[in-house]
Amino acid sequence: MFPSSSPEAAAGADATDDDDLDEIEITPVRPALSVAIAAFAGLVGIGLIFGAQSTSPGARVPFALVLVGVQVLYVLAWLMATRPPVPLVMGGICLVVAAWSDLHAVRAAEPGLGTLAFIALAGVAAAVLAQAIRPDDRRRISESLRATLLLVVGVVAIASLIMLSREPLGTQVIFLSVTASAVALIVARLVDAVYAKPRLAPQVPRGASGVIFGAMVGTLLSAVLGSFLYSFSPSSAAVVGLVTATAAVLADLAADYAEAGRQMAGDPPTLWVARHMQGPLGGFALAAPAAYVMTVLFLT
């Protein structure tokens, strides 16, 4: 016969489970911070929209200059957040890659992402080579590869907006996709400030309601705007808004998860400005190539 557990043992097991639950620290949601991040996402979105409206077949430099500012902010935020080996060299490589991709996007004979992908590959190779020179940094190459990809590929992804502006429907697609992405990011953060539930993870100060409502409102607004644009229907504009808004809010959420993982691993905290800028910047960086792919595969 198997021995039956006593009531005292069961009570002890329940107490142990309660202690384990108590050890999980729940990160509080700061409403004022969520509102500030929403405002930052709105400012970046406004800058991208007005920059795209200034483009023309003979004048793409003003939009490129706007994107240079966004790329610099992206590099600074993600460089301080991920802390890869040889950070100054990594930052220099990322800025060179950003300038190279912008210049190619402005001067290329035909629009396309092929050469931009080559530039990103060359930048990743240069960054890995820079980390392989010193023995101490060489041992960290594998663990810092994700940070290297995020930095280099992110700045090239932002440059794809210039390439998108050269497509026949490019400027209107940028208007739709950036508006949907910005509104999705703003709504997601504002909902977190009011009702950050249900919590996605105890260590991540985000709620599922904000992510869902953000993507929904961004898609709805894109459909409404599409009914006023000559080359779009509400359904086609809604598809563009759905893809880009979802990409933006998921990238923003992934940045929060990555920051929580670094804190749980015992890494020193990131400069708070960089920590809260990386999410919206990552959202726009992921939405940009998604908008280009939607234009080529779905709208043309």
Protein backbone atom coordinates (compact mmCIF):
# COMPACT_ATOMS: atom_id res chain seq x y z
CA MET A 1 0.00 0.00 0.00
CA PHE A 2 1.14 3.48 -0.77
CA PRO A 3 1.48 5.84 2.17
CA SER A 4 -1.11 8.59 2.21
CA SER A 5 0.03 12.14 2.58
CA SER A 6 -0.84 13.76 5.86
CA PRO A 7 -2.75 17.07 6.10
CA GLU A 8 0.37 18.66 7.57
CA ALA A 9 2.43 17.64 4.51
CA ALA A 10 -0.20 18.97 2.13
CA ALA A 11 -0.31 22.26 4.02
CA GLY A 12 3.47 22.48 3.84
CA ALA A 13 3.41 21.91 0.08
CA ASP A 14 0.78 24.64 -0.36
CA ALA A 15 2.88 27.03 1.70
CA THR A 16 5.92 26.27 -0.47
CA ASP A 17 3.90 26.99 -3.64
CA ASP A 18 2.70 30.27 -2.15
CA ASP A 19 6.30 31.24 -1.34
CA ASP A 20 7.35 30.49 -4.93
CA LEU A 21 4.57 32.70 -6.23
CA ASP A 22 5.56 35.46 -3.84
CA GLU A 23 9.13 35.36 -5.17
CA ILE A 24 7.93 36.43 -8.66
CA GLU A 25 8.34 40.17 -8.66
CA ILE A 26 5.60 41.95 -10.60
CA THR A 27 6.89 45.00 -12.42
CA PRO A 28 4.51 47.91 -11.86
CA VAL A 29 2.99 49.81 -14.77
CA ARG A 30 3.76 53.54 -14.68
CA PRO A 31 0.95 55.41 -16.46
CA ALA A 32 2.93 58.64 -16.93
CA LEU A 33 5.74 56.71 -18.61
CA SER A 34 3.31 54.94 -20.93
CA VAL A 35 1.87 58.32 -21.97
CA ALA A 36 5.38 59.68 -22.60
CA ILE A 37 6.27 56.70 -24.81
CA ALA A 38 3.01 57.18 -26.72
CA ALA A 39 3.90 60.84 -27.30
CA PHE A 40 7.35 59.87 -28.58
CA ALA A 41 5.84 57.35 -31.01
CA GLY A 42 3.47 60.05 -32.25
CA LEU A 43 6.29 62.53 -32.83
CA VAL A 44 8.32 59.99 -34.82
CA GLY A 45 5.26 59.10 -36.87
CA ILE A 46 4.52 62.76 -37.64
CA GLY A 47 8.11 63.31 -38.74
CA LEU A 48 8.01 60.31 -41.07
CA ILE A 49 4.66 61.32 -42.59
CA PHE A 50 5.69 64.91 -43.30
CA GLY A 51 9.08 63.77 -44.57
CA ALA A 52 7.44 61.36 -47.01
CA GLN A 53 5.12 64.09 -48.29
CA SER A 54 8.15 66.20 -49.22
CA THR A 55 9.49 63.59 -51.64
CA SER A 56 9.34 63.90 -55.42
CA PRO A 57 11.21 62.21 -58.27
CA GLY A 58 13.90 64.89 -58.12
CA ALA A 59 13.94 65.61 -54.38
CA ARG A 60 14.31 62.65 -52.08
CA VAL A 61 17.11 64.09 -49.97
CA PRO A 62 14.80 65.85 -47.44
CA PHE A 63 13.08 62.56 -46.63
CA ALA A 64 16.46 60.86 -46.40
CA LEU A 65 17.59 63.45 -43.86
CA VAL A 66 14.51 62.75 -41.74
CA LEU A 67 15.30 59.05 -41.85
CA VAL A 68 18.93 59.73 -40.89
CA GLY A 69 17.66 61.30 -37.67
CA VAL A 70 15.46 58.27 -36.97
CA GLN A 71 18.35 55.91 -37.74
CA VAL A 72 20.68 57.75 -35.37
CA LEU A 73 18.09 57.52 -32.58
CA TYR A 74 17.62 53.84 -33.36
CA VAL A 75 21.35 53.11 -33.18
CA LEU A 76 21.81 55.01 -29.92
CA ALA A 77 18.78 53.42 -28.23
CA TRP A 78 19.49 49.84 -29.23
CA LEU A 79 23.25 50.17 -28.74
CA MET A 80 22.79 51.27 -25.14
CA ALA A 81 20.11 48.65 -24.57
CA THR A 82 21.87 45.58 -25.99
CA ARG A 83 25.47 46.53 -25.09
CA PRO A 84 27.29 44.49 -27.76
CA PRO A 85 31.09 44.07 -27.69
CA VAL A 86 33.14 47.08 -28.91
CA PRO A 87 30.09 49.37 -28.77
CA LEU A 88 31.81 52.39 -30.32
CA VAL A 89 32.97 50.37 -33.31
CA MET A 90 29.54 48.80 -33.60
CA GLY A 91 27.92 52.21 -33.55
CA GLY A 92 30.28 53.48 -36.24
CA ILE A 93 29.57 50.47 -38.45
CA CYS A 94 25.81 50.94 -38.03
CA LEU A 95 26.02 54.62 -38.96
CA VAL A 96 28.09 53.80 -42.04
CA VAL A 97 25.57 51.15 -43.03
CA ALA A 98 22.74 53.64 -42.50
CA ALA A 99 24.41 56.25 -44.72
CA TRP A 100 25.24 53.64 -47.37
CA SER A 101 21.68 52.30 -47.47
CA ASP A 102 20.16 55.81 -47.60
CA LEU A 103 22.48 56.86 -50.40
CA HIS A 104 21.71 53.75 -52.42
CA ALA A 105 17.96 54.16 -51.88
CA VAL A 106 18.14 57.73 -53.18
CA ARG A 107 20.38 57.06 -56.17
CA ALA A 108 19.44 53.54 -57.30
CA ALA A 109 18.33 53.22 -60.89
CA GLU A 110 15.39 50.96 -59.99
CA PRO A 111 13.65 50.49 -56.61
CA GLY A 112 14.18 47.16 -54.91
CA LEU A 113 15.33 45.55 -51.68
CA GLY A 114 18.01 43.30 -53.17
CA THR A 115 20.94 45.68 -52.78
CA LEU A 116 19.70 46.80 -49.36
CA ALA A 117 19.79 43.17 -48.25
CA PHE A 118 23.39 42.95 -49.49
CA ILE A 119 24.27 46.11 -47.55
CA ALA A 120 22.75 44.61 -44.40
CA LEU A 121 24.72 41.39 -44.93
CA ALA A 122 27.95 43.33 -45.42
CA GLY A 123 27.27 45.34 -42.26
CA VAL A 124 26.63 42.23 -40.19
CA ALA A 125 29.85 40.66 -41.52
CA ALA A 126 31.85 43.80 -40.66
CA ALA A 127 30.34 43.91 -37.16
CA VAL A 128 31.12 40.25 -36.49
CA LEU A 129 34.66 40.73 -37.79
CA ALA A 130 35.15 43.72 -35.47
CA GLN A 131 34.05 41.59 -32.53
CA ALA A 132 36.38 38.73 -33.52
CA ILE A 133 39.59 40.77 -33.28
CA ARG A 134 39.93 40.73 -29.48
CA PRO A 135 39.84 37.36 -27.64
CA ASP A 136 37.51 38.67 -24.92
CA ASP A 137 35.03 39.94 -27.49
CA ARG A 138 35.41 36.81 -29.62
CA ARG A 139 33.90 34.68 -26.87
CA ARG A 140 30.79 36.86 -26.86
CA ILE A 141 30.10 36.77 -30.60
CA SER A 142 27.46 34.07 -30.44
CA GLU A 143 25.53 35.67 -27.58
CA SER A 144 25.71 39.13 -29.17
CA LEU A 145 24.70 37.99 -32.67
CA ARG A 146 21.06 38.86 -32.08
CA ALA A 147 22.00 42.38 -30.99
CA THR A 148 24.21 42.74 -34.07
CA LEU A 149 21.37 41.71 -36.37
CA LEU A 150 18.92 44.05 -34.65
CA LEU A 151 21.26 47.01 -34.99
CA VAL A 152 22.42 46.53 -38.57
CA VAL A 153 19.22 45.18 -40.11
CA GLY A 154 17.15 47.79 -38.28
CA VAL A 155 18.87 50.80 -39.84
CA VAL A 156 18.65 49.21 -43.30
CA ALA A 157 14.95 48.46 -42.76
CA ILE A 158 14.31 52.13 -42.01
CA ALA A 159 16.04 53.08 -45.28
CA SER A 160 13.53 50.91 -47.17
CA LEU A 161 11.03 53.76 -46.73
CA ILE A 162 13.05 55.78 -49.24
CA MET A 163 12.87 52.87 -51.65
CA LEU A 164 9.13 52.64 -51.02
CA SER A 165 8.68 56.32 -51.85
CA ARG A 166 9.98 55.55 -55.37
CA GLU A 167 7.16 53.10 -56.09
CA PRO A 168 4.07 54.46 -57.94
CA LEU A 169 1.89 54.18 -54.81
CA GLY A 170 4.77 54.55 -52.40
CA THR A 171 4.00 57.92 -50.84
CA GLN A 172 0.39 56.99 -50.14
CA VAL A 173 1.42 53.62 -48.73
CA ILE A 174 3.90 55.36 -46.43
CA PHE A 175 1.13 57.67 -45.26
CA LEU A 176 -1.18 54.74 -44.54
CA SER A 177 1.40 52.42 -42.98
CA VAL A 178 3.13 55.03 -40.82
CA THR A 179 -0.20 56.42 -39.63
CA ALA A 180 -1.47 52.93 -38.79
CA SER A 181 1.77 52.04 -37.01
CA ALA A 182 1.96 55.29 -35.05
CA VAL A 183 -1.69 55.13 -33.99
CA ALA A 184 -1.32 51.48 -33.00
CA LEU A 185 1.71 52.28 -30.85
CA ILE A 186 0.00 55.30 -29.28
CA VAL A 187 -3.24 53.46 -28.49
CA ALA A 188 -1.39 50.43 -27.11
CA ARG A 189 0.60 52.58 -24.69
CA LEU A 190 -2.37 54.73 -23.67
CA VAL A 191 -4.45 51.64 -22.93
CA ASP A 192 -1.55 50.34 -20.82
CA ALA A 193 -1.65 53.59 -18.86
CA VAL A 194 -5.34 53.02 -18.03
CA TYR A 195 -5.87 49.26 -18.07
CA ALA A 196 -2.73 47.12 -18.43
CA LYS A 197 -4.58 43.81 -18.15
CA PRO A 198 -4.43 40.92 -18.59
CA ARG A 199 -0.71 41.03 -17.89
CA LEU A 200 1.31 39.16 -20.50
CA ALA A 201 4.14 38.45 -18.04
CA PRO A 202 4.78 39.60 -14.46
CA GLN A 203 8.12 41.16 -15.40
CA VAL A 204 6.78 42.98 -18.48
CA PRO A 205 4.72 46.10 -17.71
CA ARG A 206 2.35 45.56 -20.64
CA GLY A 207 -1.18 44.27 -21.02
CA ALA A 208 -2.76 42.24 -23.79
CA SER A 209 -5.62 44.74 -24.08
CA GLY A 210 -3.31 47.49 -25.28
CA VAL A 211 -1.63 45.35 -27.92
CA ILE A 212 -4.97 44.11 -29.31
CA PHE A 213 -6.74 47.47 -29.26
CA GLY A 214 -3.70 49.20 -30.77
CA ALA A 215 -3.61 46.87 -33.77
CA MET A 216 -7.39 47.13 -34.20
CA VAL A 217 -7.52 50.93 -34.09
CA GLY A 218 -4.55 51.23 -36.46
CA THR A 219 -6.25 48.91 -38.95
CA LEU A 220 -9.58 50.74 -38.67
CA LEU A 221 -8.01 54.16 -39.20
CA SER A 222 -6.11 52.88 -42.22
CA ALA A 223 -9.38 51.60 -43.74
CA VAL A 224 -11.06 54.97 -43.14
CA LEU A 225 -8.16 56.86 -44.72
CA GLY A 226 -8.17 54.47 -47.68
CA SER A 227 -11.73 55.50 -48.53
CA PHE A 228 -10.46 59.05 -49.15
CA LEU A 229 -7.41 58.14 -51.24
CA TYR A 230 -7.77 57.83 -54.98
CA SER A 231 -5.74 54.66 -55.49
CA PHE A 232 -7.10 52.68 -52.54
CA SER A 233 -10.25 51.03 -51.35
CA PRO A 234 -11.12 50.58 -47.69
CA SER A 235 -10.34 46.86 -47.92
CA SER A 236 -6.90 47.26 -49.51
CA ALA A 237 -5.97 50.05 -47.10
CA ALA A 238 -7.18 47.93 -44.18
CA VAL A 239 -4.87 45.09 -45.21
CA VAL A 240 -1.89 47.46 -45.32
CA GLY A 241 -2.85 48.88 -41.93
CA LEU A 242 -3.38 45.46 -40.41
CA VAL A 243 0.06 44.18 -41.43
CA THR A 244 2.03 47.28 -40.47
CA ALA A 245 0.13 48.07 -37.26
CA THR A 246 0.47 44.49 -36.05
CA ALA A 247 4.16 44.45 -36.90
CA ALA A 248 4.71 47.72 -35.02
CA VAL A 249 2.96 46.71 -31.78
CA LEU A 250 4.56 43.27 -31.75
CA ALA A 251 8.05 44.73 -32.24
CA ASP A 252 7.35 47.23 -29.45
CA LEU A 253 6.21 44.40 -27.19
CA ALA A 254 9.25 42.27 -28.10
CA ALA A 255 11.54 45.12 -27.02
CA ASP A 256 9.89 45.13 -23.59
CA TYR A 257 10.32 41.38 -23.30
CA ALA A 258 13.99 41.67 -24.28
CA GLU A 259 14.57 44.37 -21.67
CA ALA A 260 12.88 42.28 -19.00
CA GLY A 261 15.06 39.31 -19.96
CA ARG A 262 18.22 41.39 -19.61
CA GLN A 263 17.16 42.58 -16.18
CA MET A 264 16.34 39.04 -15.04
CA ALA A 265 19.77 37.91 -16.26
CA GLY A 266 21.38 40.44 -13.93
CA ASP A 267 22.59 42.91 -16.55
CA PRO A 268 22.94 46.50 -15.32
CA PRO A 269 19.91 48.63 -16.17
CA THR A 270 19.89 50.53 -19.44
CA LEU A 271 19.77 54.32 -19.53
CA TRP A 272 16.06 54.95 -19.05
CA VAL A 273 15.71 57.17 -22.14
CA ALA A 274 17.17 54.49 -24.41
CA ARG A 275 15.17 51.77 -22.68
CA HIS A 276 11.86 53.41 -23.52
CA MET A 277 12.78 54.64 -27.01
CA GLN A 278 13.79 51.28 -28.43
CA GLY A 279 10.27 49.84 -28.58
CA PRO A 280 8.59 52.47 -30.81
CA LEU A 281 11.72 52.80 -32.98
CA GLY A 282 11.83 49.03 -33.42
CA GLY A 283 8.13 49.10 -34.34
CA PHE A 284 8.65 51.59 -37.16
CA ALA A 285 11.75 49.71 -38.33
CA LEU A 286 9.79 46.46 -38.71
CA ALA A 287 6.75 48.13 -40.26
CA ALA A 288 8.83 49.80 -43.02
CA PRO A 289 9.89 46.66 -44.96
CA ALA A 290 6.50 45.11 -44.26
CA ALA A 291 4.87 48.06 -46.04
CA TYR A 292 7.25 47.69 -48.98
CA VAL A 293 6.52 43.98 -49.33
CA MET A 294 2.78 44.67 -49.17
CA THR A 295 3.12 47.26 -51.92
CA VAL A 296 5.03 44.97 -54.25
CA LEU A 297 3.05 41.78 -53.63
CA PHE A 298 -0.43 43.08 -52.91
CA LEU A 299 -0.96 46.55 -54.36
CA THR A 300 0.87 46.43 -57.70
